[in-house]
Structures are given as C-alpha cells and as structure tokens.
Amino acid sequence: MDLKFYAHINDEKVGPVDAATLKTLGVTRETLVWYKGLAEWTPAAEAYEAAVVLGFAEPKPEAEEKPAAVETAEVIEPDNLPRTQIALSVIVTLLMGTPFSIMAIVFNCIAKARYQNGEYETGAHSCLVARKWLSVAIPVGVMVNLFAYFFYIKPMLESGLL
C-alpha cells in the first residue's frame, strides 16, 4: 500500500502520512479519514484501506484473480480544488450588468454544490467554466460601460439634459 492518508484529529487535518504513521496517530473508528480514491471524508472504520491498516477490518483474500486495471482520470484531492469566484461574479454583475457574469454566478454555485457533494472533478470543471465566463464578462462590461458613457451619458451632460 503506497497510499497517503489524511485524518481529522482534534479538529485539525493531519497528512499526508503513510500507513505506518497513520497507526501512530491515535485514529479511532470514528475519526474521519481521506485517501486518493475516496469520494469524501469517511470514518476510519468505513474506509476499507484505512480500516485494514488500523486493524478495524480484515484484508480481502487475494485468491481470486483481479480484473485488468481500468485507467481512470486523475482524482482531484480536496486540498487542490480551484476556489469558486462567487463574490467576484456578483460584484461584476452589479457593476457591469452583463449576462455573462450571471452565467459565472450560476456555474460557481454549481461548483460549490458539487464540492459539497464530494464530486470534486465535476466541481473543479464547473469552477473553470465559471472563470471563463468571468473572463468574458469583465472586458465586455468595461466596453459596454465605456460605450454608454461616451455615446449616451457624456452627450447628455454636455447638452444639459442630465
């Protein structure tokens, strides 16, 4: 087992640690642990690899032939997730008023919900889509506001209508 484990001990995240170190941390059956391959933080007694290392479960017999490994996408660890840009999206929407920034808000909310459900890969993808919408919303908003100022507000100010 070359897994690196993380554990929540005394309200602090500890890790990454190897199996030998995990045994010395005083992990109980209820301690939340995470390792690559788990969707979310799980009690140690329910996380098979950690349960085996800690002696909470028996290892599976290796008598049966294992199927060929299926190549899967890289699992994104909870510590390396892109941050959502909800606050920036709302500010850009209020200042610039473009529909593109509304799309950024929507995708940031989707990303946050997916993170909370343990869907880290799809959450990270939604976060990146939201950033793309923001990267469009800001320059378009600046151009629209400049256009409005120079071709609408400024002429009205000069003519005394405002």
C-alpha atoms as a PDB file:
ATOM      1  CA  MET A   1       0.000   0.000   0.000  1.00  0.00           C
ATOM      2  CA  ASP A   2       1.577   3.244  -1.188  1.00  0.00           C
ATOM      3  CA  LEU A   3      -1.435   5.330  -0.218  1.00  0.00           C
ATOM      4  CA  LYS A   4      -1.078   8.665   1.531  1.00  0.00           C
ATOM      5  CA  PHE A   5      -3.682   9.187   4.210  1.00  0.00           C
ATOM      6  CA  TYR A   6      -5.257  12.326   5.677  1.00  0.00           C
ATOM      7  CA  ALA A   7      -7.085  12.391   9.015  1.00  0.00           C
ATOM      8  CA  HIS A   8      -9.092  14.888  11.081  1.00  0.00           C
ATOM      9  CA  ILE A   9      -7.637  14.658  14.605  1.00  0.00           C
ATOM     10  CA  ASN A  10      -8.596  17.181  17.316  1.00  0.00           C
ATOM     11  CA  ASP A  11     -10.254  19.421  14.697  1.00  0.00           C
ATOM     12  CA  GLU A  12      -7.037  19.589  12.659  1.00  0.00           C
ATOM     13  CA  LYS A  13      -6.263  17.988   9.332  1.00  0.00           C
ATOM     14  CA  VAL A  14      -3.168  15.787   9.507  1.00  0.00           C
ATOM     15  CA  GLY A  15      -1.497  14.460   6.389  1.00  0.00           C
ATOM     16  CA  PRO A  16      -0.423  13.293   4.008  1.00  0.00           C
ATOM     17  CA  VAL A  17       1.012  10.406   6.047  1.00  0.00           C
ATOM     18  CA  ASP A  18       1.927   6.835   5.162  1.00  0.00           C
ATOM     19  CA  ALA A  19       0.289   3.748   6.656  1.00  0.00           C
ATOM     20  CA  ALA A  20       2.919   3.326   9.402  1.00  0.00           C
ATOM     21  CA  THR A  21       2.469   6.916  10.583  1.00  0.00           C
ATOM     22  CA  LEU A  22      -1.324   6.626  10.438  1.00  0.00           C
ATOM     23  CA  LYS A  23      -1.151   3.792  13.000  1.00  0.00           C
ATOM     24  CA  THR A  24       0.678   6.063  15.477  1.00  0.00           C
ATOM     25  CA  LEU A  25      -1.771   8.995  15.315  1.00  0.00           C
ATOM     26  CA  GLY A  26      -4.387   7.522  17.662  1.00  0.00           C
ATOM     27  CA  VAL A  27      -7.040   7.221  14.958  1.00  0.00           C
ATOM     28  CA  THR A  28     -10.310   5.775  16.255  1.00  0.00           C
ATOM     29  CA  ARG A  29     -13.065   4.038  14.306  1.00  0.00           C
ATOM     30  CA  GLU A  30     -14.966   7.353  14.140  1.00  0.00           C
ATOM     31  CA  THR A  31     -12.022   9.538  13.055  1.00  0.00           C
ATOM     32  CA  LEU A  32     -12.627  10.994   9.598  1.00  0.00           C
ATOM     33  CA  VAL A  33     -10.015   9.933   7.037  1.00  0.00           C
ATOM     34  CA  TRP A  34      -9.458  10.509   3.347  1.00  0.00           C
ATOM     35  CA  TYR A  35      -7.143   8.998   0.745  1.00  0.00           C
ATOM     36  CA  LYS A  36      -6.992   9.043  -3.039  1.00  0.00           C
ATOM     37  CA  GLY A  37      -9.944   7.026  -4.282  1.00  0.00           C
ATOM     38  CA  LEU A  38     -12.435   8.092  -1.585  1.00  0.00           C
ATOM     39  CA  ALA A  39     -15.134  10.499  -2.688  1.00  0.00           C
ATOM     40  CA  GLU A  40     -15.319  12.259   0.678  1.00  0.00           C
ATOM     41  CA  TRP A  41     -14.063  12.224   4.254  1.00  0.00           C
ATOM     42  CA  THR A  42     -15.185   8.931   5.813  1.00  0.00           C
ATOM     43  CA  PRO A  43     -14.996   7.358   9.300  1.00  0.00           C
ATOM     44  CA  ALA A  44     -11.877   5.169   9.506  1.00  0.00           C
ATOM     45  CA  ALA A  45     -13.883   2.002  10.187  1.00  0.00           C
ATOM     46  CA  GLU A  46     -15.830   2.516   6.914  1.00  0.00           C
ATOM     47  CA  ALA A  47     -12.854   3.424   4.697  1.00  0.00           C
ATOM     48  CA  TYR A  48     -11.564  -0.023   3.675  1.00  0.00           C
ATOM     49  CA  GLU A  49      -7.860   0.768   3.119  1.00  0.00           C
ATOM     50  CA  ALA A  50      -7.590   2.761   6.362  1.00  0.00           C
ATOM     51  CA  ALA A  51      -9.618   0.145   8.259  1.00  0.00           C
ATOM     52  CA  VAL A  52      -7.208  -2.600   7.146  1.00  0.00           C
ATOM     53  CA  VAL A  53      -4.132  -0.538   8.091  1.00  0.00           C
ATOM     54  CA  LEU A  54      -5.601   0.271  11.514  1.00  0.00           C
ATOM     55  CA  GLY A  55      -6.823  -3.278  12.167  1.00  0.00           C
ATOM     56  CA  PHE A  56     -10.536  -2.415  12.010  1.00  0.00           C
ATOM     57  CA  ALA A  57     -11.082  -4.789   9.045  1.00  0.00           C
ATOM     58  CA  GLU A  58      -9.561  -7.946   7.630  1.00  0.00           C
ATOM     59  CA  PRO A  59      -7.799  -7.734   4.269  1.00  0.00           C
ATOM     60  CA  LYS A  60      -9.633  -9.343   1.356  1.00  0.00           C
ATOM     61  CA  PRO A  61      -8.247 -12.728   0.312  1.00  0.00           C
ATOM     62  CA  GLU A  62      -6.109 -12.479  -2.809  1.00  0.00           C
ATOM     63  CA  ALA A  63      -7.088 -15.929  -4.122  1.00  0.00           C
ATOM     64  CA  GLU A  64      -9.408 -14.671  -6.832  1.00  0.00           C
ATOM     65  CA  GLU A  65      -7.942 -13.220  -9.998  1.00  0.00           C
ATOM     66  CA  LYS A  66      -8.278  -9.476 -10.257  1.00  0.00           C
ATOM     67  CA  PRO A  67      -9.585  -7.963 -13.499  1.00  0.00           C
ATOM     68  CA  ALA A  68      -7.225  -5.826 -15.544  1.00  0.00           C
ATOM     69  CA  ALA A  69      -6.877  -2.328 -14.165  1.00  0.00           C
ATOM     70  CA  VAL A  70      -9.071   0.231 -15.831  1.00  0.00           C
ATOM     71  CA  GLU A  71      -7.360   3.519 -16.478  1.00  0.00           C
ATOM     72  CA  THR A  72      -9.256   6.317 -14.779  1.00  0.00           C
ATOM     73  CA  ALA A  73      -8.905  10.060 -14.741  1.00  0.00           C
ATOM     74  CA  GLU A  74      -6.735  11.643 -12.087  1.00  0.00           C
ATOM     75  CA  VAL A  75      -8.720  12.147  -8.883  1.00  0.00           C
ATOM     76  CA  ILE A  76      -8.603  15.716  -7.630  1.00  0.00           C
ATOM     77  CA  GLU A  77      -7.733  15.875  -3.947  1.00  0.00           C
ATOM     78  CA  PRO A  78      -9.861  18.129  -1.701  1.00  0.00           C
ATOM     79  CA  ASP A  79      -6.864  20.356  -0.903  1.00  0.00           C
ATOM     80  CA  ASN A  80      -6.125  21.173  -4.547  1.00  0.00           C
ATOM     81  CA  LEU A  81      -9.559  22.334  -5.669  1.00  0.00           C
ATOM     82  CA  PRO A  82      -9.968  25.601  -7.573  1.00  0.00           C
ATOM     83  CA  ARG A  83     -11.676  28.236  -5.477  1.00  0.00           C
ATOM     84  CA  THR A  84     -15.095  29.467  -6.524  1.00  0.00           C
ATOM     85  CA  GLN A  85     -15.410  33.122  -7.530  1.00  0.00           C
ATOM     86  CA  ILE A  86     -18.981  33.762  -6.357  1.00  0.00           C
ATOM     87  CA  ALA A  87     -18.255  37.127  -4.689  1.00  0.00           C
ATOM     88  CA  LEU A  88     -16.331  38.436  -7.707  1.00  0.00           C
ATOM     89  CA  SER A  89     -19.101  37.227 -10.030  1.00  0.00           C
ATOM     90  CA  VAL A  90     -21.731  39.105  -8.014  1.00  0.00           C
ATOM     91  CA  ILE A  91     -19.622  42.286  -7.924  1.00  0.00           C
ATOM     92  CA  VAL A  92     -19.025  42.144 -11.685  1.00  0.00           C
ATOM     93  CA  THR A  93     -22.756  41.607 -12.239  1.00  0.00           C
ATOM     94  CA  LEU A  94     -23.633  44.625 -10.094  1.00  0.00           C
ATOM     95  CA  LEU A  95     -21.006  46.918 -11.626  1.00  0.00           C
ATOM     96  CA  MET A  96     -21.031  45.765 -15.232  1.00  0.00           C
ATOM     97  CA  GLY A  97     -24.538  44.342 -15.649  1.00  0.00           C
ATOM     98  CA  THR A  98     -23.623  41.776 -18.285  1.00  0.00           C
ATOM     99  CA  PRO A  99     -25.417  38.438 -18.673  1.00  0.00           C
ATOM    100  CA  PHE A 100     -22.002  36.765 -18.887  1.00  0.00           C
ATOM    101  CA  SER A 101     -21.354  37.469 -15.213  1.00  0.00           C
ATOM    102  CA  ILE A 102     -24.726  35.902 -14.359  1.00  0.00           C
ATOM    103  CA  MET A 103     -23.513  32.721 -16.063  1.00  0.00           C
ATOM    104  CA  ALA A 104     -20.378  32.914 -13.900  1.00  0.00           C
ATOM    105  CA  ILE A 105     -22.579  33.083 -10.774  1.00  0.00           C
ATOM    106  CA  VAL A 106     -24.585  30.059 -11.955  1.00  0.00           C
ATOM    107  CA  PHE A 107     -21.507  27.931 -12.649  1.00  0.00           C
ATOM    108  CA  ASN A 108     -19.861  28.977  -9.362  1.00  0.00           C
ATOM    109  CA  CYS A 109     -22.981  27.875  -7.471  1.00  0.00           C
ATOM    110  CA  ILE A 110     -22.943  24.569  -9.361  1.00  0.00           C
ATOM    111  CA  ALA A 111     -19.250  24.118  -8.477  1.00  0.00           C
ATOM    112  CA  LYS A 112     -19.900  24.817  -4.794  1.00  0.00           C
ATOM    113  CA  ALA A 113     -22.790  22.330  -4.685  1.00  0.00           C
ATOM    114  CA  ARG A 114     -20.677  19.673  -6.376  1.00  0.00           C
ATOM    115  CA  TYR A 115     -17.783  20.235  -3.952  1.00  0.00           C
ATOM    116  CA  GLN A 116     -20.190  19.809  -1.040  1.00  0.00           C
ATOM    117  CA  ASN A 117     -21.464  16.543  -2.548  1.00  0.00           C
ATOM    118  CA  GLY A 118     -17.927  15.201  -2.920  1.00  0.00           C
ATOM    119  CA  GLU A 119     -17.986  15.483  -6.720  1.00  0.00           C
ATOM    120  CA  TYR A 120     -14.569  17.126  -6.854  1.00  0.00           C
ATOM    121  CA  GLU A 121     -13.756  16.582 -10.533  1.00  0.00           C
ATOM    122  CA  THR A 122     -17.046  17.917 -11.889  1.00  0.00           C
ATOM    123  CA  GLY A 123     -16.960  20.744  -9.330  1.00  0.00           C
ATOM    124  CA  ALA A 124     -13.488  21.765 -10.479  1.00  0.00           C
ATOM    125  CA  HIS A 125     -14.690  21.697 -14.093  1.00  0.00           C
ATOM    126  CA  SER A 126     -17.680  23.916 -13.245  1.00  0.00           C
ATOM    127  CA  CYS A 127     -15.349  26.306 -11.438  1.00  0.00           C
ATOM    128  CA  LEU A 128     -13.142  26.596 -14.529  1.00  0.00           C
ATOM    129  CA  VAL A 129     -16.192  27.214 -16.742  1.00  0.00           C
ATOM    130  CA  ALA A 130     -17.268  29.986 -14.348  1.00  0.00           C
ATOM    131  CA  ARG A 131     -13.817  31.589 -14.644  1.00  0.00           C
ATOM    132  CA  LYS A 132     -14.124  31.541 -18.437  1.00  0.00           C
ATOM    133  CA  TRP A 133     -17.483  33.343 -18.190  1.00  0.00           C
ATOM    134  CA  LEU A 134     -15.890  35.922 -15.877  1.00  0.00           C
ATOM    135  CA  SER A 135     -13.002  36.412 -18.285  1.00  0.00           C
ATOM    136  CA  VAL A 136     -15.588  37.349 -20.923  1.00  0.00           C
ATOM    137  CA  ALA A 137     -17.857  39.359 -18.599  1.00  0.00           C
ATOM    138  CA  ILE A 138     -15.224  41.799 -17.357  1.00  0.00           C
ATOM    139  CA  PRO A 139     -13.912  43.118 -20.711  1.00  0.00           C
ATOM    140  CA  VAL A 140     -17.405  43.140 -22.265  1.00  0.00           C
ATOM    141  CA  GLY A 141     -18.739  45.009 -19.238  1.00  0.00           C
ATOM    142  CA  VAL A 142     -15.948  47.573 -19.432  1.00  0.00           C
ATOM    143  CA  MET A 143     -16.619  48.119 -23.158  1.00  0.00           C
ATOM    144  CA  VAL A 144     -20.388  48.432 -22.650  1.00  0.00           C
ATOM    145  CA  ASN A 145     -19.959  50.915 -19.800  1.00  0.00           C
ATOM    146  CA  LEU A 146     -17.430  52.997 -21.767  1.00  0.00           C
ATOM    147  CA  PHE A 147     -19.729  52.981 -24.786  1.00  0.00           C
ATOM    148  CA  ALA A 148     -22.674  54.079 -22.615  1.00  0.00           C
ATOM    149  CA  TYR A 149     -20.617  56.875 -21.064  1.00  0.00           C
ATOM    150  CA  PHE A 150     -19.157  58.304 -24.282  1.00  0.00           C
ATOM    151  CA  PHE A 151     -22.205  57.930 -26.519  1.00  0.00           C
ATOM    152  CA  TYR A 152     -25.076  58.413 -24.067  1.00  0.00           C
ATOM    153  CA  ILE A 153     -24.189  59.965 -20.715  1.00  0.00           C
ATOM    154  CA  LYS A 154     -21.463  62.425 -21.817  1.00  0.00           C
ATOM    155  CA  PRO A 155     -23.532  63.955 -24.673  1.00  0.00           C
ATOM    156  CA  MET A 156     -26.483  64.335 -22.304  1.00  0.00           C
ATOM    157  CA  LEU A 157     -24.289  66.057 -19.723  1.00  0.00           C
ATOM    158  CA  GLU A 158     -22.851  68.401 -22.351  1.00  0.00           C
ATOM    159  CA  SER A 159     -26.294  69.315 -23.691  1.00  0.00           C
ATOM    160  CA  GLY A 160     -27.657  69.948 -20.208  1.00  0.00           C
ATOM    161  CA  LEU A 161     -30.230  67.143 -20.307  1.00  0.00           C
ATOM    162  CA  LEU A 162     -28.740  65.494 -17.225  1.00  0.00           C
END
